[in-house]
Amino acid sequence: MSSATPTPARVRRLPVVGALRLGRPSDVWFKPALSVVAAVAPPSLLLVALGRLDLAAYTMAGSLCALYAHHRPYAARAKVLAWVVLGMLGGLAVALVTASLTRNAVVLVTVGALLAAVQKAVCDATRVGPPAHVILTFVSSATLFVPQTLGQVPGHLALAAAAGAWAWLVGMAPAPLRPHGPERRATAQALHTAAAYAETARGGEESAGARSAAYAAVHAAWQTLLAARNRPSTTRRALERLVVRAEVALAAPADTDPARLRAWADAVRGSGRVPRTGDPRRDEGSLGERDELVGVAAERAVAPRPLWSRLGPLAPLAVRTALGCALAGYVSLALGADRPYWALVTAASLYQANLTLTWSRAVQRVVGNLVGVLLFAAVTPVARLGPLALVLCILACNFGAEALIGRNYWLGSVCVTPLALLVTELPGYQPTGELVTDRVVDTLVGALVGFAAALAVTDRRAGRRVERALTAVDRARERAARLAAGPASTPAALEAARRGLAAAVVDLRATADAAAGEWWQRALPQERVVLAEQAAHRTLAATVRRQGLLPGPGTTSTQTHTEDTSP
């Protein structure tokens, strides 16, 4: 696989209309939408009752953590949400202390840009996922420009921490009702997309888009299942078998029954028993599936790479973020803006894995914000009827943003923009015309300067890192296969080869997720990555079998059943 002829570099066209095209809503769009309302409403309404709505900006900082980790299994979600809350508090603390020590706007913009770069790098390295660093950057940047004293900092941090703890509880609330909900949804999506690809292939009109979507969905399903690394269960093993069935459909679409895949997907989405497809470990006719399941188990046993080793390749992106945010803030200050953090946050929100996506995000951000200021002008009379009306408008914008952003980022920005403007009115009402003008100017400044910084700082090594990771997997797989087939292999050498291959597979996934290619580089070979993982899983199974860790053909049915259902 790694010996394939490289695709020549080429400059991609920058889309405009395509960047605004609406897609299908996320399968779980209502979860973050309802979660953020449930997290924001109680603290805000309590402050309304106490007559201290001016403090709602701090509680909202913690409440917005409820937007994260909705696609992760609950065991992993608990840890991720806790780290998100701590990360939010860390950025907020730096911002509050800085704001209390200086009112120099240039210093504040510089600190905000550095915080944005750190938040971007850490979120990308840990693959926190949407909304990633944007919410953290919005919170810290906005707080930098709120006058503070050192004596107020502990109280404001306590408010944010209390709201963050409530957001953690909101995010974990569905766990008792649907403990495997995220894994089920990811598996169902893999089955549905595999069925769609099989239909196009069997009809003689194979679609590259359908195939890419299916490979991406299968890859995402494995990531979700592997996120519960140390918590194997009967349900997760059954879901793994279904994901393998989706992979089989990708390999042999002509022999696949799409209706059966869809029936499995529909059953998985519910709360009933996971469909049983037959245990590949007891089915001699499904050796490939059995091999891959054992390989997945071996991969699960490998600990993820430490954070510091994942941050190194993200240095160009961090520099790009710091430079773009700082320049956007400085230009906004030079134009006389009172809230340069709007330009800073706009620049921070642009940076995606490559320049083409960054350009698309810039187009989406500008269009969404321009429409959003019109919506703000329309809702302002209602929001100014009183504190309760203001909070209700903020809740409606929160819900609308999360409900629509899955269709396209610009559509969600139509609600995010009035939300940001309404938050500025929590301490007191502001002139509507001034707010609208400042928002439009800062949006244009942030988009133009931010994209210029993306052009200036590029990561030309991203594609090469994926190629090197693929080569490393190929070499590790060849070595493990050779030792597994060799009669004189020592247990220590075989174990070292198995661990080395499993670590290489984990590294390949991390590298592929972090690198989507730059504007003038070849596209990320997503299909090759998935195929390399499949081959590596089967080789891992061969090494496990050679070590005697896989039950042989002589294993009794009772023994195998016990292994399959153990917790």
Protein backbone atom coordinates (compact mmCIF):
# COMPACT_ATOMS: atom_id res chain seq x y z
CA MET A 1 0.00 0.00 0.00
CA SER A 2 2.75 2.43 0.85
CA SER A 3 4.50 1.70 -2.43
CA ALA A 4 1.72 3.25 -4.49
CA THR A 5 2.73 6.04 -6.80
CA PRO A 6 2.19 9.37 -5.01
CA THR A 7 -0.50 11.65 -6.36
CA PRO A 8 1.08 14.80 -7.80
CA ALA A 9 0.49 17.97 -5.82
CA ARG A 10 -2.10 20.31 -7.22
CA VAL A 11 -3.83 23.54 -6.28
CA ARG A 12 -7.47 23.02 -5.40
CA ARG A 13 -10.17 25.45 -6.36
CA LEU A 14 -11.58 27.46 -3.50
CA PRO A 15 -15.33 26.80 -3.28
CA VAL A 16 -17.90 29.49 -2.65
CA VAL A 17 -21.35 28.16 -3.49
CA GLY A 18 -20.37 24.66 -2.41
CA ALA A 19 -19.28 25.96 0.97
CA LEU A 20 -22.84 27.16 1.61
CA ARG A 21 -24.62 24.00 0.47
CA LEU A 22 -26.82 22.49 3.16
CA GLY A 23 -26.26 18.91 4.25
CA ARG A 24 -28.30 16.41 6.20
CA PRO A 25 -28.70 17.16 9.90
CA SER A 26 -26.69 15.11 12.35
CA ASP A 27 -28.40 12.03 13.76
CA VAL A 28 -27.92 13.47 17.25
CA TRP A 29 -28.53 17.16 16.51
CA PHE A 30 -31.10 17.38 19.30
CA LYS A 31 -28.70 16.11 21.96
CA PRO A 32 -26.29 19.07 22.07
CA ALA A 33 -29.20 21.44 21.40
CA LEU A 34 -31.22 20.20 24.37
CA SER A 35 -28.13 19.72 26.53
CA VAL A 36 -26.96 23.30 26.19
CA VAL A 37 -30.43 24.60 27.03
CA ALA A 38 -30.59 22.32 30.08
CA ALA A 39 -27.12 23.46 31.15
CA VAL A 40 -27.61 27.21 30.58
CA ALA A 41 -31.17 27.66 31.84
CA PRO A 42 -30.98 26.84 35.59
CA PRO A 43 -27.94 29.01 36.46
CA SER A 44 -29.18 31.89 34.30
CA LEU A 45 -32.73 31.80 35.69
CA LEU A 46 -31.34 31.63 39.22
CA LEU A 47 -29.31 34.77 38.57
CA VAL A 48 -32.42 36.46 37.17
CA ALA A 49 -34.25 35.64 40.41
CA LEU A 50 -31.34 37.04 42.44
CA GLY A 51 -31.14 40.18 40.32
CA ARG A 52 -27.52 39.45 39.32
CA LEU A 53 -27.81 38.70 35.62
CA ASP A 54 -24.53 40.59 35.14
CA LEU A 55 -22.79 37.43 36.43
CA ALA A 56 -24.42 35.17 33.83
CA ALA A 57 -21.43 35.45 31.50
CA TYR A 58 -19.36 33.44 34.00
CA THR A 59 -21.95 30.72 34.57
CA MET A 60 -22.51 30.49 30.83
CA ALA A 61 -18.79 29.76 30.39
CA GLY A 62 -19.23 26.59 32.42
CA SER A 63 -22.62 25.72 30.95
CA LEU A 64 -21.30 25.70 27.38
CA CYS A 65 -19.12 22.69 28.25
CA ALA A 66 -22.32 20.64 27.79
CA LEU A 67 -21.79 20.95 24.03
CA TYR A 68 -18.89 18.49 24.04
CA ALA A 69 -18.37 14.74 23.69
CA HIS A 70 -21.87 13.69 22.59
CA HIS A 71 -20.43 11.07 20.21
CA ARG A 72 -18.25 9.38 22.84
CA PRO A 73 -19.15 6.36 24.99
CA TYR A 74 -20.18 7.46 28.46
CA ALA A 75 -17.09 6.11 30.22
CA ALA A 76 -14.90 8.15 27.87
CA ARG A 77 -17.35 11.08 27.91
CA ALA A 78 -17.02 11.43 31.68
CA LYS A 79 -13.27 11.96 31.36
CA VAL A 80 -13.48 14.21 28.32
CA LEU A 81 -16.13 16.46 29.85
CA ALA A 82 -14.11 16.74 33.06
CA TRP A 83 -11.02 17.80 31.08
CA VAL A 84 -13.08 20.26 29.03
CA VAL A 85 -14.37 21.89 32.21
CA LEU A 86 -10.84 22.07 33.62
CA GLY A 87 -9.53 23.48 30.34
CA MET A 88 -12.27 26.09 30.31
CA LEU A 89 -11.46 27.06 33.89
CA GLY A 90 -7.75 27.27 33.09
CA GLY A 91 -8.27 29.61 30.14
CA LEU A 92 -10.80 31.64 32.11
CA ALA A 93 -8.40 31.99 35.03
CA VAL A 94 -5.62 33.29 32.78
CA ALA A 95 -8.01 35.73 31.16
CA LEU A 96 -9.44 37.00 34.47
CA VAL A 97 -6.04 37.50 36.06
CA THR A 98 -4.71 39.26 32.96
CA ALA A 99 -7.75 41.52 32.80
CA SER A 100 -7.29 42.43 36.45
CA LEU A 101 -3.61 43.33 35.96
CA THR A 102 -3.74 45.41 32.77
CA ARG A 103 -6.13 47.25 30.50
CA ASN A 104 -3.61 47.58 27.69
CA ALA A 105 -5.57 46.39 24.64
CA VAL A 106 -2.48 45.21 22.74
CA VAL A 107 -1.42 43.04 25.67
CA LEU A 108 -4.93 41.64 26.01
CA VAL A 109 -5.11 40.75 22.31
CA THR A 110 -1.70 39.11 22.49
CA VAL A 111 -2.68 36.98 25.48
CA GLY A 112 -5.94 36.06 23.76
CA ALA A 113 -4.10 34.98 20.61
CA LEU A 114 -1.66 32.82 22.59
CA LEU A 115 -4.51 31.22 24.52
CA ALA A 116 -6.32 30.52 21.24
CA ALA A 117 -3.24 28.80 19.82
CA VAL A 118 -2.82 26.61 22.90
CA GLN A 119 -6.52 25.73 22.96
CA LYS A 120 -6.48 24.88 19.26
CA ALA A 121 -3.41 22.64 19.54
CA VAL A 122 -4.61 20.77 22.63
CA CYS A 123 -8.13 20.21 21.26
CA ASP A 124 -6.74 18.90 17.96
CA ALA A 125 -4.17 16.69 19.68
CA THR A 126 -6.79 15.15 21.97
CA ARG A 127 -9.43 15.03 19.18
CA VAL A 128 -12.04 16.56 21.45
CA GLY A 129 -14.22 17.22 18.43
CA PRO A 130 -16.84 19.87 17.77
CA PRO A 131 -17.05 22.60 18.92
CA ALA A 132 -13.38 22.02 19.77
CA HIS A 133 -11.42 25.13 20.71
CA VAL A 134 -13.91 27.72 19.45
CA ILE A 135 -16.05 27.83 22.61
CA LEU A 136 -12.98 27.91 24.86
CA THR A 137 -11.46 30.72 22.82
CA PHE A 138 -14.72 32.69 22.85
CA VAL A 139 -14.94 32.43 26.65
CA SER A 140 -11.33 33.40 27.38
CA SER A 141 -11.14 36.15 24.74
CA ALA A 142 -14.39 37.82 25.78
CA THR A 143 -13.41 37.71 29.45
CA LEU A 144 -10.12 39.46 28.73
CA PHE A 145 -12.05 42.63 27.89
CA VAL A 146 -14.31 42.62 30.97
CA PRO A 147 -12.89 44.86 33.73
CA GLN A 148 -11.83 42.79 36.74
CA THR A 149 -10.08 43.08 40.08
CA LEU A 150 -7.98 40.33 41.60
CA GLY A 151 -10.43 40.07 44.47
CA GLN A 152 -13.27 39.20 42.08
CA VAL A 153 -11.41 36.40 40.30
CA PRO A 154 -12.06 33.57 42.82
CA GLY A 155 -15.79 34.26 42.90
CA HIS A 156 -16.12 34.40 39.14
CA LEU A 157 -14.15 31.18 38.77
CA ALA A 158 -16.37 29.52 41.39
CA LEU A 159 -19.47 30.46 39.39
CA ALA A 160 -17.97 28.99 36.22
CA ALA A 161 -16.89 25.82 38.06
CA ALA A 162 -20.35 25.27 39.54
CA ALA A 163 -21.97 25.70 36.14
CA GLY A 164 -19.34 23.40 34.61
CA ALA A 165 -20.16 20.69 37.16
CA TRP A 166 -23.84 21.04 36.27
CA ALA A 167 -22.95 20.78 32.56
CA TRP A 168 -21.03 17.55 33.32
CA LEU A 169 -24.14 16.10 34.97
CA VAL A 170 -26.29 17.15 32.01
CA GLY A 171 -23.88 15.48 29.58
CA MET A 172 -23.88 12.23 31.58
CA ALA A 173 -27.64 12.19 32.29
CA PRO A 174 -28.63 9.77 29.46
CA ALA A 175 -26.14 7.11 30.60
CA PRO A 176 -28.52 5.19 32.94
CA LEU A 177 -31.19 5.02 30.21
CA ARG A 178 -29.01 4.16 27.19
CA PRO A 179 -25.58 3.09 28.44
CA HIS A 180 -24.39 2.13 24.94
CA GLY A 181 -26.19 4.87 23.01
CA PRO A 182 -23.13 6.49 21.35
CA GLU A 183 -21.69 3.14 20.25
CA ARG A 184 -25.05 2.04 18.88
CA ARG A 185 -25.47 5.23 16.84
CA ALA A 186 -21.96 5.00 15.38
CA THR A 187 -22.50 1.34 14.44
CA ALA A 188 -25.88 2.08 12.87
CA GLN A 189 -24.35 4.88 10.81
CA ALA A 190 -21.62 2.53 9.56
CA LEU A 191 -24.22 -0.06 8.54
CA HIS A 192 -26.43 2.51 6.80
CA THR A 193 -23.59 4.02 4.76
CA ALA A 194 -22.28 0.57 3.87
CA ALA A 195 -25.76 -0.37 2.64
CA ALA A 196 -25.93 2.81 0.54
CA TYR A 197 -22.56 2.02 -1.05
CA ALA A 198 -23.53 -1.60 -1.70
CA GLU A 199 -26.68 -0.45 -3.50
CA THR A 200 -24.75 1.87 -5.83
CA ALA A 201 -22.12 -0.80 -6.51
CA ARG A 202 -24.66 -3.55 -7.22
CA GLY A 203 -26.53 -1.22 -9.53
CA GLY A 204 -23.41 -0.74 -11.65
CA GLU A 205 -23.16 2.96 -10.72
CA GLU A 206 -20.55 2.87 -8.00
CA SER A 207 -20.29 6.27 -6.32
CA ALA A 208 -16.93 7.49 -5.04
CA GLY A 209 -18.77 9.74 -2.61
CA ALA A 210 -20.81 6.84 -1.21
CA ARG A 211 -17.69 4.73 -0.84
CA SER A 212 -15.75 7.50 0.92
CA ALA A 213 -18.68 8.16 3.24
CA ALA A 214 -18.92 4.46 4.08
CA TYR A 215 -15.20 4.14 4.84
CA ALA A 216 -15.34 7.27 6.99
CA ALA A 217 -18.38 5.98 8.90
CA VAL A 218 -16.75 2.60 9.53
CA HIS A 219 -13.60 4.36 10.69
CA ALA A 220 -15.66 6.56 13.04
CA ALA A 221 -17.47 3.51 14.41
CA TRP A 222 -14.19 1.81 15.28
CA GLN A 223 -12.99 4.99 16.96
CA THR A 224 -16.13 5.13 19.08
CA LEU A 225 -15.91 1.48 20.06
CA LEU A 226 -12.21 1.70 20.83
CA ALA A 227 -12.78 4.81 22.98
CA ALA A 228 -14.20 2.46 25.64
CA ARG A 229 -10.75 0.91 25.66
CA ASN A 230 -10.82 -0.81 29.03
CA ARG A 231 -14.52 -1.62 29.24
CA PRO A 232 -15.29 -4.56 26.92
CA SER A 233 -18.80 -5.99 27.23
CA THR A 234 -21.13 -8.40 25.48
CA THR A 235 -22.96 -5.49 23.80
CA ARG A 236 -19.77 -3.89 22.51
CA ARG A 237 -18.54 -7.22 21.15
CA ALA A 238 -21.85 -7.61 19.31
CA LEU A 239 -21.50 -4.08 17.91
CA GLU A 240 -17.94 -4.85 16.80
CA ARG A 241 -19.23 -7.83 14.84
CA LEU A 242 -21.74 -5.58 13.12
CA VAL A 243 -19.03 -3.09 12.17
CA VAL A 244 -17.05 -5.99 10.71
CA ARG A 245 -20.15 -6.87 8.66
CA ALA A 246 -20.13 -3.30 7.35
CA GLU A 247 -16.47 -3.72 6.39
CA VAL A 248 -17.29 -6.96 4.60
CA ALA A 249 -19.94 -5.06 2.63
CA LEU A 250 -17.32 -2.53 1.54
CA ALA A 251 -14.98 -5.30 0.42
CA ALA A 252 -17.65 -7.31 -1.43
CA PRO A 253 -20.63 -5.05 -2.21
CA ALA A 254 -21.95 -7.38 -4.93
CA ASP A 255 -22.45 -10.14 -2.35
CA THR A 256 -24.10 -7.85 0.21
CA ASP A 257 -27.79 -7.56 1.04
CA PRO A 258 -28.37 -3.81 1.71
CA ALA A 259 -31.81 -4.47 3.20
CA ARG A 260 -30.26 -6.74 5.82
CA LEU A 261 -27.66 -4.11 6.75
CA ARG A 262 -30.39 -1.50 7.11
CA ALA A 263 -32.50 -3.84 9.24
CA TRP A 264 -29.53 -4.34 11.54
CA ALA A 265 -28.94 -0.58 11.65
CA ASP A 266 -32.56 0.15 12.58
CA ALA A 267 -32.47 -2.47 15.31
CA VAL A 268 -29.20 -1.11 16.71
CA ARG A 269 -30.60 2.43 16.97
CA GLY A 270 -33.24 1.28 19.41
CA SER A 271 -32.79 0.20 23.00
CA GLY A 272 -33.45 -3.49 22.50
CA ARG A 273 -31.07 -6.40 22.11
CA VAL A 274 -28.26 -5.92 19.59
CA PRO A 275 -28.86 -8.16 16.55
CA ARG A 276 -26.77 -11.31 16.58
CA THR A 277 -25.00 -11.99 13.31
CA GLY A 278 -23.30 -15.17 14.43
CA ASP A 279 -20.10 -15.15 16.42
CA PRO A 280 -17.14 -15.17 14.01
CA ARG A 281 -15.02 -16.78 16.71
CA ARG A 282 -17.27 -19.85 16.62
CA ASP A 283 -17.89 -19.76 12.89
CA GLU A 284 -15.13 -21.40 10.86
CA GLY A 285 -16.57 -19.86 7.68
CA SER A 286 -15.90 -16.31 8.94
CA LEU A 287 -12.16 -16.48 9.58
CA GLY A 288 -11.52 -12.95 8.31
CA GLU A 289 -14.10 -11.48 10.66
CA ARG A 290 -12.76 -13.51 13.56
CA ASP A 291 -9.23 -12.37 12.82
CA GLU A 292 -10.16 -8.72 12.73
CA LEU A 293 -12.11 -8.89 15.99
CA VAL A 294 -9.12 -10.39 17.76
CA GLY A 295 -6.91 -7.74 16.15
CA VAL A 296 -9.20 -5.02 17.43
CA ALA A 297 -8.93 -6.50 20.92
CA ALA A 298 -5.14 -6.40 20.63
CA GLU A 299 -5.25 -2.78 19.48
CA ARG A 300 -7.50 -1.87 22.40
CA ALA A 301 -4.82 -3.11 24.79
CA VAL A 302 -2.31 -0.51 23.55
CA ALA A 303 -2.25 2.73 25.52
CA PRO A 304 -2.66 5.94 23.49
CA ARG A 305 0.38 8.07 22.77
CA PRO A 306 1.21 10.73 25.37
CA LEU A 307 -0.15 14.20 24.70
CA TRP A 308 3.24 15.84 24.20
CA SER A 309 4.10 13.52 21.30
CA ARG A 310 0.84 14.43 19.54
CA LEU A 311 1.39 18.18 19.92
CA GLY A 312 4.62 18.28 17.87
CA PRO A 313 3.06 17.87 14.39
CA LEU A 314 0.50 20.56 15.25
CA ALA A 315 3.09 23.31 15.68
CA PRO A 316 2.38 24.93 12.26
CA LEU A 317 -1.34 25.05 13.03
CA ALA A 318 -0.67 26.59 16.44
CA VAL A 319 1.62 29.23 14.92
CA ARG A 320 -0.97 29.95 12.25
CA THR A 321 -3.67 30.39 14.92
CA ALA A 322 -1.55 32.65 17.13
CA LEU A 323 -0.44 34.82 14.21
CA GLY A 324 -3.88 35.10 12.62
CA CYS A 325 -5.68 35.87 15.88
CA ALA A 326 -3.11 38.44 16.98
CA LEU A 327 -3.08 40.25 13.64
CA ALA A 328 -6.89 40.24 13.45
CA GLY A 329 -7.10 41.75 16.93
CA TYR A 330 -4.46 44.38 16.17
CA VAL A 331 -6.18 45.45 12.95
CA SER A 332 -9.50 45.65 14.77
CA LEU A 333 -7.89 47.89 17.41
CA ALA A 334 -6.37 50.08 14.71
CA LEU A 335 -9.87 50.57 13.28
CA GLY A 336 -11.07 51.76 16.67
CA ALA A 337 -13.12 48.70 17.67
CA ASP A 338 -14.20 48.39 21.31
CA ARG A 339 -14.43 44.59 21.15
CA PRO A 340 -11.41 43.32 19.18
CA TYR A 341 -11.98 39.84 20.58
CA TRP A 342 -14.75 39.40 17.98
CA ALA A 343 -12.15 39.63 15.22
CA LEU A 344 -9.84 37.36 17.22
CA VAL A 345 -12.51 34.69 17.69
CA THR A 346 -13.49 34.91 14.01
CA ALA A 347 -9.89 34.22 13.00
CA ALA A 348 -9.62 31.37 15.53
CA SER A 349 -12.79 29.74 14.23
CA LEU A 350 -11.46 29.56 10.65
CA TYR A 351 -8.54 27.21 11.07
CA GLN A 352 -9.32 23.72 9.88
CA ALA A 353 -7.12 20.82 8.85
CA ASN A 354 -6.24 22.33 5.46
CA LEU A 355 -6.47 25.59 3.55
CA THR A 356 -9.44 24.55 1.43
CA LEU A 357 -11.52 23.84 4.52
CA THR A 358 -10.22 27.03 6.13
CA TRP A 359 -11.42 29.03 3.12
CA SER A 360 -14.83 27.33 3.26
CA ARG A 361 -15.12 28.15 6.94
CA ALA A 362 -14.25 31.79 6.23
CA VAL A 363 -17.04 32.01 3.64
CA GLN A 364 -19.48 30.33 6.00
CA ARG A 365 -18.51 32.55 8.91
CA VAL A 366 -18.94 35.78 6.95
CA VAL A 367 -22.29 34.81 5.43
CA GLY A 368 -23.64 33.47 8.72
CA ASN A 369 -22.59 36.53 10.68
CA LEU A 370 -24.05 38.98 8.15
CA VAL A 371 -27.41 37.23 8.29
CA GLY A 372 -27.07 36.84 12.06
CA VAL A 373 -26.77 40.58 12.73
CA LEU A 374 -30.06 41.05 10.90
CA LEU A 375 -31.65 38.44 13.17
CA PHE A 376 -30.19 40.22 16.20
CA ALA A 377 -31.73 43.51 15.09
CA ALA A 378 -35.08 41.73 14.79
CA VAL A 379 -35.02 40.07 18.24
CA THR A 380 -33.53 43.01 20.16
CA PRO A 381 -36.91 44.64 20.97
CA VAL A 382 -38.11 41.37 22.50
CA ALA A 383 -34.86 40.73 24.41
CA ARG A 384 -35.03 44.18 25.99
CA LEU A 385 -38.44 43.62 27.53
CA GLY A 386 -36.64 42.49 30.69
CA PRO A 387 -33.99 40.12 32.14
CA LEU A 388 -36.22 37.06 31.74
CA ALA A 389 -36.90 37.88 28.10
CA LEU A 390 -33.16 38.32 27.50
CA VAL A 391 -32.40 34.90 28.99
CA LEU A 392 -35.16 33.24 26.95
CA CYS A 393 -33.79 34.77 23.75
CA ILE A 394 -30.31 33.51 24.66
CA LEU A 395 -31.70 30.01 25.25
CA ALA A 396 -33.52 30.08 21.91
CA CYS A 397 -30.33 31.12 20.11
CA ASN A 398 -28.37 28.38 21.86
CA PHE A 399 -30.89 25.77 20.77
CA GLY A 400 -31.07 27.11 17.21
CA ALA A 401 -27.31 27.20 16.82
CA GLU A 402 -26.84 23.56 17.79
CA ALA A 403 -29.91 22.39 15.89
CA LEU A 404 -28.79 24.04 12.63
CA ILE A 405 -25.00 23.93 12.68
CA GLY A 406 -24.97 20.28 11.57
CA ARG A 407 -26.60 21.30 8.28
CA ASN A 408 -23.87 23.83 7.58
CA TYR A 409 -21.65 26.01 9.74
CA TRP A 410 -23.03 29.22 8.22
CA LEU A 411 -26.59 28.26 9.15
CA GLY A 412 -25.59 27.70 12.76
CA SER A 413 -23.70 31.01 12.74
CA VAL A 414 -26.98 32.76 11.98
CA CYS A 415 -27.97 31.92 15.57
CA VAL A 416 -24.47 32.10 17.09
CA THR A 417 -24.11 35.77 16.06
CA PRO A 418 -27.19 37.10 17.88
CA LEU A 419 -26.24 34.87 20.81
CA ALA A 420 -22.83 36.55 21.08
CA LEU A 421 -24.40 39.97 20.75
CA LEU A 422 -27.05 39.24 23.38
CA VAL A 423 -24.38 38.05 25.82
CA THR A 424 -22.79 41.50 25.64
CA GLU A 425 -26.10 42.89 26.96
CA LEU A 426 -26.05 40.84 30.17
CA PRO A 427 -24.29 43.62 32.15
CA GLY A 428 -26.48 46.28 30.48
CA TYR A 429 -28.09 47.24 27.19
CA GLN A 430 -25.88 48.55 24.35
CA PRO A 431 -26.75 50.69 21.29
CA THR A 432 -28.02 48.25 18.64
CA GLY A 433 -26.54 50.09 15.68
CA GLU A 434 -23.10 50.20 17.29
CA LEU A 435 -23.17 46.49 18.11
CA VAL A 436 -24.21 45.57 14.57
CA THR A 437 -21.58 47.76 12.93
CA ASP A 438 -18.78 46.50 15.19
CA ARG A 439 -19.77 42.89 14.60
CA VAL A 440 -19.79 43.26 10.80
CA VAL A 441 -16.43 45.06 10.72
CA ASP A 442 -14.77 42.60 13.11
CA THR A 443 -16.14 39.63 11.16
CA LEU A 444 -14.67 40.91 7.89
CA VAL A 445 -11.36 41.80 9.54
CA GLY A 446 -11.10 38.44 11.29
CA ALA A 447 -11.94 36.47 8.14
CA LEU A 448 -9.57 38.37 5.83
CA VAL A 449 -6.62 38.60 8.21
CA GLY A 450 -7.14 35.08 9.52
CA PHE A 451 -7.12 33.54 6.06
CA ALA A 452 -4.09 35.60 5.07
CA ALA A 453 -2.26 34.09 8.06
CA ALA A 454 -3.32 30.63 6.92
CA LEU A 455 -1.73 31.32 3.53
CA ALA A 456 1.44 32.57 5.18
CA VAL A 457 1.92 29.63 7.57
CA THR A 458 1.41 26.23 5.95
CA ASP A 459 2.11 22.64 6.98
CA ARG A 460 3.74 20.97 4.00
CA ARG A 461 4.68 17.90 6.00
CA ALA A 462 1.16 16.73 6.89
CA GLY A 463 0.75 14.46 3.85
CA ARG A 464 4.22 13.03 4.25
CA ARG A 465 3.50 12.11 7.85
CA VAL A 466 0.50 10.03 6.75
CA GLU A 467 2.63 8.29 4.13
CA ARG A 468 5.30 7.54 6.72
CA ALA A 469 2.66 6.20 9.11
CA LEU A 470 1.29 3.92 6.37
CA THR A 471 4.81 2.70 5.61
CA ALA A 472 5.42 2.05 9.30
CA VAL A 473 2.24 -0.04 9.53
CA ASP A 474 3.23 -2.02 6.42
CA ARG A 475 6.68 -2.79 7.78
CA ALA A 476 5.39 -3.69 11.23
CA ARG A 477 2.74 -5.92 9.66
CA GLU A 478 5.28 -7.69 7.45
CA ARG A 479 7.57 -8.31 10.43
CA ALA A 480 4.73 -9.62 12.61
CA ALA A 481 3.43 -11.87 9.79
CA ARG A 482 6.91 -13.27 9.20
CA LEU A 483 7.39 -14.08 12.88
CA ALA A 484 3.89 -15.55 13.18
CA ALA A 485 4.58 -17.88 10.26
CA GLY A 486 8.10 -18.80 11.32
CA PRO A 487 8.49 -21.99 13.38
CA ALA A 488 11.51 -20.66 15.30
CA SER A 489 9.96 -17.43 16.56
CA THR A 490 10.56 -16.78 20.23
CA PRO A 491 7.63 -15.71 22.43
CA ALA A 492 9.43 -12.47 23.31
CA ALA A 493 10.05 -11.54 19.67
CA LEU A 494 6.47 -12.36 18.71
CA GLU A 495 5.08 -10.31 21.58
CA ALA A 496 7.34 -7.37 20.67
CA ALA A 497 6.20 -7.59 17.04
CA ARG A 498 2.54 -7.70 18.05
CA ARG A 499 2.89 -4.71 20.35
CA GLY A 500 4.87 -2.83 17.71
CA LEU A 501 2.18 -3.41 15.08
CA ALA A 502 -0.64 -2.45 17.43
CA ALA A 503 1.19 0.76 18.34
CA ALA A 504 1.77 1.52 14.64
CA VAL A 505 -1.95 1.14 13.93
CA VAL A 506 -2.82 3.51 16.78
CA ASP A 507 -0.24 6.00 15.48
CA LEU A 508 -1.65 5.75 11.94
CA ARG A 509 -5.15 6.63 13.13
CA ALA A 510 -3.87 9.58 15.16
CA THR A 511 -1.78 10.86 12.24
CA ALA A 512 -4.62 10.52 9.74
CA ASP A 513 -7.00 12.37 12.03
CA ALA A 514 -4.55 15.21 12.60
CA ALA A 515 -3.57 15.65 8.93
CA ALA A 516 -6.08 16.28 6.20
CA GLY A 517 -3.60 17.86 3.82
CA GLU A 518 -2.90 21.45 2.90
CA TRP A 519 -4.26 23.41 -0.04
CA TRP A 520 -1.61 22.40 -2.56
CA GLN A 521 -1.00 18.88 -1.29
CA ARG A 522 -2.65 15.62 -2.31
CA ALA A 523 -5.77 14.55 -0.46
CA LEU A 524 -5.63 12.38 2.63
CA PRO A 525 -5.78 8.68 1.53
CA GLN A 526 -8.63 7.79 3.84
CA GLU A 527 -9.44 4.54 2.05
CA ARG A 528 -5.82 3.37 2.23
CA VAL A 529 -5.79 4.15 5.94
CA VAL A 530 -8.87 2.00 6.57
CA LEU A 531 -7.56 -0.86 4.41
CA ALA A 532 -4.20 -0.72 6.20
CA GLU A 533 -5.99 -0.94 9.53
CA GLN A 534 -8.01 -3.96 8.37
CA ALA A 535 -4.90 -5.80 7.17
CA ALA A 536 -3.10 -4.95 10.40
CA HIS A 537 -6.02 -6.24 12.50
CA ARG A 538 -5.86 -9.59 10.72
CA THR A 539 -2.10 -9.82 11.14
CA LEU A 540 -2.48 -9.00 14.81
CA ALA A 541 -4.92 -11.91 15.02
CA ALA A 542 -2.36 -14.23 13.42
CA THR A 543 0.23 -13.27 16.04
CA VAL A 544 -2.29 -13.78 18.83
CA ARG A 545 -3.18 -17.20 17.42
CA ARG A 546 0.51 -18.08 17.13
CA GLN A 547 0.98 -17.13 20.79
CA GLY A 548 -1.85 -19.48 21.75
CA LEU A 549 -4.11 -16.67 22.97
CA LEU A 550 -6.92 -17.46 20.51
CA PRO A 551 -9.13 -20.50 21.23
CA GLY A 552 -8.39 -23.21 18.71
CA PRO A 553 -10.79 -25.37 16.69
CA GLY A 554 -10.93 -27.88 19.51
CA THR A 555 -12.36 -25.42 22.01
CA THR A 556 -15.74 -26.51 23.28
CA SER A 557 -18.83 -24.47 22.67
CA THR A 558 -19.22 -23.85 26.38
CA GLN A 559 -15.68 -22.51 26.72
CA THR A 560 -16.08 -20.13 23.79
CA HIS A 561 -19.47 -18.94 25.02
CA THR A 562 -17.97 -18.17 28.42
CA GLU A 563 -15.22 -16.11 26.81
CA ASP A 564 -17.74 -14.19 24.71
CA THR A 565 -20.01 -13.18 27.57
CA SER A 566 -17.46 -12.38 30.26
CA PRO A 567 -17.56 -8.76 31.44
